[in-house]
C-alpha atoms as a PDB file:
ATOM      1  CA  UNK A   1      18.458   3.611  38.940  1.00  0.00           C
ATOM      2  CA  UNK A   2      15.185   5.425  39.324  1.00  0.00           C
ATOM      3  CA  UNK A   3      14.079   8.250  37.002  1.00  0.00           C
ATOM      4  CA  UNK A   4      13.404  11.630  38.534  1.00  0.00           C
ATOM      5  CA  UNK A   5       9.770  12.791  38.538  1.00  0.00           C
ATOM      6  CA  UNK A   6      10.724  15.661  36.261  1.00  0.00           C
ATOM      7  CA  UNK A   7      11.902  13.156  33.632  1.00  0.00           C
ATOM      8  CA  UNK A   8       8.574  11.344  33.837  1.00  0.00           C
ATOM      9  CA  UNK A   9       6.669  14.595  33.447  1.00  0.00           C
ATOM     10  CA  UNK A  10       8.885  15.589  30.524  1.00  0.00           C
ATOM     11  CA  UNK A  11       8.252  12.260  28.784  1.00  0.00           C
ATOM     12  CA  UNK A  12       4.468  12.588  29.190  1.00  0.00           C
ATOM     13  CA  UNK A  13       4.601  16.227  28.068  1.00  0.00           C
ATOM     14  CA  UNK A  14       6.567  15.350  24.927  1.00  0.00           C
ATOM     15  CA  UNK A  15       4.153  12.502  24.165  1.00  0.00           C
ATOM     16  CA  UNK A  16       1.133  14.797  24.437  1.00  0.00           C
ATOM     17  CA  UNK A  17       2.849  17.153  21.975  1.00  0.00           C
ATOM     18  CA  UNK A  18       2.816  14.334  19.413  1.00  0.00           C
ATOM     19  CA  UNK A  19       6.350  12.971  19.588  1.00  0.00           C
ATOM     20  CA  UNK A  20       7.075   9.285  19.077  1.00  0.00           C
ATOM     21  CA  UNK A  21       8.922   7.214  21.696  1.00  0.00           C
ATOM     22  CA  UNK A  22      12.210   7.214  19.729  1.00  0.00           C
ATOM     23  CA  UNK A  23      12.045  11.006  19.377  1.00  0.00           C
ATOM     24  CA  UNK A  24      11.282  11.357  23.102  1.00  0.00           C
ATOM     25  CA  UNK A  25      14.326   9.284  24.066  1.00  0.00           C
ATOM     26  CA  UNK A  26      16.510  11.364  21.732  1.00  0.00           C
ATOM     27  CA  UNK A  27      15.150  14.633  23.159  1.00  0.00           C
ATOM     28  CA  UNK A  28      15.674  13.537  26.778  1.00  0.00           C
ATOM     29  CA  UNK A  29      19.176  12.396  25.751  1.00  0.00           C
ATOM     30  CA  UNK A  30      19.943  15.891  24.470  1.00  0.00           C
ATOM     31  CA  UNK A  31      18.964  17.274  27.877  1.00  0.00           C
ATOM     32  CA  UNK A  32      21.673  15.173  29.526  1.00  0.00           C
ATOM     33  CA  UNK A  33      19.673  12.145  30.703  1.00  0.00           C
ATOM     34  CA  UNK A  34      19.643   8.863  28.777  1.00  0.00           C
ATOM     35  CA  UNK A  35      16.482   6.749  28.561  1.00  0.00           C
ATOM     36  CA  UNK A  36      15.574   4.075  26.034  1.00  0.00           C
ATOM     37  CA  UNK A  37      12.551   3.981  23.772  1.00  0.00           C
ATOM     38  CA  UNK A  38      11.106   1.129  25.838  1.00  0.00           C
ATOM     39  CA  UNK A  39      11.524   3.134  29.053  1.00  0.00           C
ATOM     40  CA  UNK A  40       9.692   6.110  27.520  1.00  0.00           C
ATOM     41  CA  UNK A  41       6.876   3.760  26.521  1.00  0.00           C
ATOM     42  CA  UNK A  42       6.824   2.282  30.034  1.00  0.00           C
ATOM     43  CA  UNK A  43       6.615   5.748  31.646  1.00  0.00           C
ATOM     44  CA  UNK A  44       3.670   6.674  29.410  1.00  0.00           C
ATOM     45  CA  UNK A  45       1.912   3.393  30.251  1.00  0.00           C
ATOM     46  CA  UNK A  46       2.370   3.982  33.987  1.00  0.00           C
ATOM     47  CA  UNK A  47       1.016   7.518  33.622  1.00  0.00           C
ATOM     48  CA  UNK A  48      -2.071   6.203  31.743  1.00  0.00           C
ATOM     49  CA  UNK A  49      -2.783   3.611  34.459  1.00  0.00           C
ATOM     50  CA  UNK A  50      -2.237   6.092  37.296  1.00  0.00           C
ATOM     51  CA  UNK A  51      -4.395   8.880  35.832  1.00  0.00           C
ATOM     52  CA  UNK A  52      -6.901   6.618  34.007  1.00  0.00           C
ATOM     53  CA  UNK A  53      -6.491   8.665  30.832  1.00  0.00           C
ATOM     54  CA  UNK A  54      -5.175   7.730  27.408  1.00  0.00           C
ATOM     55  CA  UNK A  55      -2.300   9.549  25.782  1.00  0.00           C
ATOM     56  CA  UNK A  56      -2.773  10.168  22.049  1.00  0.00           C
ATOM     57  CA  UNK A  57      -1.889   7.342  19.648  1.00  0.00           C
ATOM     58  CA  UNK A  58       0.482   8.613  17.009  1.00  0.00           C
ATOM     59  CA  UNK A  59       0.631   7.085  13.557  1.00  0.00           C
ATOM     60  CA  UNK A  60       3.157   8.605  11.226  1.00  0.00           C
ATOM     61  CA  UNK A  61       3.596   6.832   7.925  1.00  0.00           C
ATOM     62  CA  UNK A  62       5.959   8.365   5.454  1.00  0.00           C
ATOM     63  CA  UNK A  63       5.505   7.988   1.732  1.00  0.00           C
ATOM     64  CA  UNK A  64       7.039   4.895   0.188  1.00  0.00           C
ATOM     65  CA  UNK A  65       7.545   3.643  -3.336  1.00  0.00           C
ATOM     66  CA  UNK A  66       5.463   0.659  -4.452  1.00  0.00           C
ATOM     67  CA  UNK A  67       7.657  -2.433  -4.849  1.00  0.00           C
ATOM     68  CA  UNK A  68       5.773  -3.441  -7.991  1.00  0.00           C
ATOM     69  CA  UNK A  69       5.125  -0.293 -10.034  1.00  0.00           C
ATOM     70  CA  UNK A  70       7.494   2.163  -8.298  1.00  0.00           C
ATOM     71  CA  UNK A  71       4.840   4.869  -7.752  1.00  0.00           C
ATOM     72  CA  UNK A  72       5.022   6.819  -4.453  1.00  0.00           C
ATOM     73  CA  UNK A  73       2.134   6.213  -2.017  1.00  0.00           C
ATOM     74  CA  UNK A  74       1.263   6.765   1.647  1.00  0.00           C
ATOM     75  CA  UNK A  75       0.484   3.526   3.532  1.00  0.00           C
ATOM     76  CA  UNK A  76      -2.996   3.770   4.998  1.00  0.00           C
ATOM     77  CA  UNK A  77      -3.350   0.675   7.141  1.00  0.00           C
ATOM     78  CA  UNK A  78       0.097  -0.497   8.174  1.00  0.00           C
ATOM     79  CA  UNK A  79       3.648   0.826   8.191  1.00  0.00           C
ATOM     80  CA  UNK A  80       4.643  -2.538   6.656  1.00  0.00           C
ATOM     81  CA  UNK A  81       2.479  -1.979   3.578  1.00  0.00           C
ATOM     82  CA  UNK A  82       4.697  -2.087   0.491  1.00  0.00           C
ATOM     83  CA  UNK A  83       2.259  -2.329  -2.424  1.00  0.00           C
ATOM     84  CA  UNK A  84       0.122   0.665  -3.382  1.00  0.00           C
ATOM     85  CA  UNK A  85      -3.105  -0.907  -4.701  1.00  0.00           C
ATOM     86  CA  UNK A  86      -5.078  -4.104  -5.225  1.00  0.00           C
ATOM     87  CA  UNK A  87      -4.093  -4.124  -8.906  1.00  0.00           C
ATOM     88  CA  UNK A  88      -0.379  -4.086  -8.052  1.00  0.00           C
ATOM     89  CA  UNK A  89      -0.950  -6.752  -5.374  1.00  0.00           C
ATOM     90  CA  UNK A  90      -2.693  -9.064  -7.869  1.00  0.00           C
ATOM     91  CA  UNK A  91       0.011  -8.572 -10.483  1.00  0.00           C
ATOM     92  CA  UNK A  92       2.707  -9.104  -7.854  1.00  0.00           C
ATOM     93  CA  UNK A  93       1.069 -12.408  -6.814  1.00  0.00           C
ATOM     94  CA  UNK A  94       0.893 -13.476 -10.464  1.00  0.00           C
ATOM     95  CA  UNK A  95       4.553 -12.613 -10.963  1.00  0.00           C
ATOM     96  CA  UNK A  96       5.606 -14.581  -7.882  1.00  0.00           C
ATOM     97  CA  UNK A  97       3.484 -17.582  -8.989  1.00  0.00           C
ATOM     98  CA  UNK A  98       5.026 -17.472 -12.440  1.00  0.00           C
ATOM     99  CA  UNK A  99       8.566 -17.277 -11.068  1.00  0.00           C
ATOM    100  CA  UNK A 100       7.856 -20.192  -8.694  1.00  0.00           C
ATOM    101  CA  UNK A 101       6.623 -22.285 -11.637  1.00  0.00           C
ATOM    102  CA  UNK A 102       9.725 -21.479 -13.647  1.00  0.00           C
ATOM    103  CA  UNK A 103       8.026 -19.149 -16.127  1.00  0.00           C
ATOM    104  CA  UNK A 104       9.865 -16.144 -17.398  1.00  0.00           C
ATOM    105  CA  UNK A 105       9.435 -12.957 -15.401  1.00  0.00           C
ATOM    106  CA  UNK A 106       9.305 -11.102 -18.725  1.00  0.00           C
ATOM    107  CA  UNK A 107       5.845 -12.560 -19.318  1.00  0.00           C
ATOM    108  CA  UNK A 108       4.573 -10.512 -16.359  1.00  0.00           C
ATOM    109  CA  UNK A 109       5.120  -7.161 -18.007  1.00  0.00           C
ATOM    110  CA  UNK A 110       2.306  -4.735 -17.219  1.00  0.00           C
ATOM    111  CA  UNK A 111       0.401  -3.170 -20.125  1.00  0.00           C
ATOM    112  CA  UNK A 112      -1.673  -0.018 -19.717  1.00  0.00           C
ATOM    113  CA  UNK A 113      -4.887   0.622 -21.665  1.00  0.00           C
ATOM    114  CA  UNK A 114      -7.716   3.128 -21.949  1.00  0.00           C
ATOM    115  CA  UNK A 115     -11.134   1.497 -22.139  1.00  0.00           C
ATOM    116  CA  UNK A 116     -12.727   2.006 -25.570  1.00  0.00           C
ATOM    117  CA  UNK A 117     -16.167   2.056 -23.973  1.00  0.00           C
ATOM    118  CA  UNK A 118     -16.041   4.256 -20.873  1.00  0.00           C
ATOM    119  CA  UNK A 119     -12.545   5.775 -21.242  1.00  0.00           C
ATOM    120  CA  UNK A 120     -11.358   4.449 -17.858  1.00  0.00           C
ATOM    121  CA  UNK A 121      -7.662   3.618 -17.392  1.00  0.00           C
ATOM    122  CA  UNK A 122      -6.909  -0.052 -16.604  1.00  0.00           C
ATOM    123  CA  UNK A 123      -3.960  -2.435 -16.308  1.00  0.00           C
ATOM    124  CA  UNK A 124      -3.500  -5.910 -17.754  1.00  0.00           C
ATOM    125  CA  UNK A 125      -0.581  -8.332 -17.609  1.00  0.00           C
ATOM    126  CA  UNK A 126       1.262  -9.156 -20.824  1.00  0.00           C
ATOM    127  CA  UNK A 127       0.514 -12.842 -20.291  1.00  0.00           C
ATOM    128  CA  UNK A 128      -3.248 -12.301 -20.173  1.00  0.00           C
ATOM    129  CA  UNK A 129      -3.048 -10.030 -23.215  1.00  0.00           C
ATOM    130  CA  UNK A 130      -1.190 -12.720 -25.216  1.00  0.00           C
ATOM    131  CA  UNK A 131      -3.937 -15.252 -24.358  1.00  0.00           C
ATOM    132  CA  UNK A 132      -6.613 -12.796 -25.531  1.00  0.00           C
ATOM    133  CA  UNK A 133      -4.684 -12.051 -28.757  1.00  0.00           C
ATOM    134  CA  UNK A 134      -4.338 -15.767 -29.543  1.00  0.00           C
ATOM    135  CA  UNK A 135      -8.050 -16.369 -28.953  1.00  0.00           C
ATOM    136  CA  UNK A 136      -8.935 -13.367 -31.117  1.00  0.00           C
ATOM    137  CA  UNK A 137      -6.725 -14.520 -34.013  1.00  0.00           C
ATOM    138  CA  UNK A 138      -8.020 -18.103 -33.918  1.00  0.00           C
ATOM    139  CA  UNK A 139     -11.584 -16.803 -34.274  1.00  0.00           C
ATOM    140  CA  UNK A 140     -10.538 -14.918 -37.424  1.00  0.00           C
ATOM    141  CA  UNK A 141     -10.401 -11.361 -36.065  1.00  0.00           C
ATOM    142  CA  UNK A 142      -8.127  -8.599 -37.326  1.00  0.00           C
ATOM    143  CA  UNK A 143      -5.735  -7.683 -34.500  1.00  0.00           C
ATOM    144  CA  UNK A 144      -5.416  -4.047 -35.607  1.00  0.00           C
ATOM    145  CA  UNK A 145      -9.163  -3.445 -35.243  1.00  0.00           C
ATOM    146  CA  UNK A 146      -9.489  -5.076 -31.829  1.00  0.00           C
ATOM    147  CA  UNK A 147     -10.919  -2.875 -29.046  1.00  0.00           C
ATOM    148  CA  UNK A 148      -9.968  -2.981 -25.345  1.00  0.00           C
ATOM    149  CA  UNK A 149     -12.541  -2.894 -22.546  1.00  0.00           C
ATOM    150  CA  UNK A 150     -11.933  -2.629 -18.800  1.00  0.00           C
ATOM    151  CA  UNK A 151     -14.581  -5.174 -17.739  1.00  0.00           C
ATOM    152  CA  UNK A 152     -16.911  -7.709 -19.295  1.00  0.00           C
ATOM    153  CA  UNK A 153     -19.879  -5.569 -18.271  1.00  0.00           C
ATOM    154  CA  UNK A 154     -18.399  -2.561 -20.084  1.00  0.00           C
ATOM    155  CA  UNK A 155     -17.836  -4.701 -23.208  1.00  0.00           C
ATOM    156  CA  UNK A 156     -21.427  -5.979 -23.198  1.00  0.00           C
ATOM    157  CA  UNK A 157     -22.844  -2.483 -22.728  1.00  0.00           C
ATOM    158  CA  UNK A 158     -20.714  -0.619 -25.293  1.00  0.00           C
ATOM    159  CA  UNK A 159     -19.990  -3.289 -27.923  1.00  0.00           C
ATOM    160  CA  UNK A 160     -23.126  -5.421 -27.805  1.00  0.00           C
ATOM    161  CA  UNK A 161     -25.666  -2.848 -26.599  1.00  0.00           C
ATOM    162  CA  UNK A 162     -26.912  -4.937 -23.653  1.00  0.00           C
ATOM    163  CA  UNK A 163     -28.215  -3.077 -20.577  1.00  0.00           C
ATOM    164  CA  UNK A 164     -25.971  -2.905 -17.516  1.00  0.00           C
ATOM    165  CA  UNK A 165     -26.639  -5.344 -14.674  1.00  0.00           C
ATOM    166  CA  UNK A 166     -26.970  -3.534 -11.350  1.00  0.00           C
END
């Protein structure tokens, strides 16, 4: 069954208005004519080849919740993106490695700190923090007086007074 030229023109018109292929097929369906999403895409491709023009690419990503921390974010490079930041991605990898090795998931609790040097907010896993605490105690330090720094460079600048490396 061949589509009428008016249907083709309607599909191209709806696409230039910024509708996605699924929305186009639903809209044409409401007008009494059924076409699939693939057929709407095919009509637009034929129109582009015939007229040697490109129809606008439409990217609509809705906000999602990060699978690791639960914060809402808007994916910026793929609709399949499910983690909000590099920090959450690193902690998620650590958690999956720990669960694959049979370690307790509870050891991958995320701890939040403010840097005592620059005041920047940073995240550390509970496992890494327990290693640092153990090392600090074995060297004879008082745990209550321990300071938290976001990076080694920040620690050297604020605690030891060394100049920053650029």
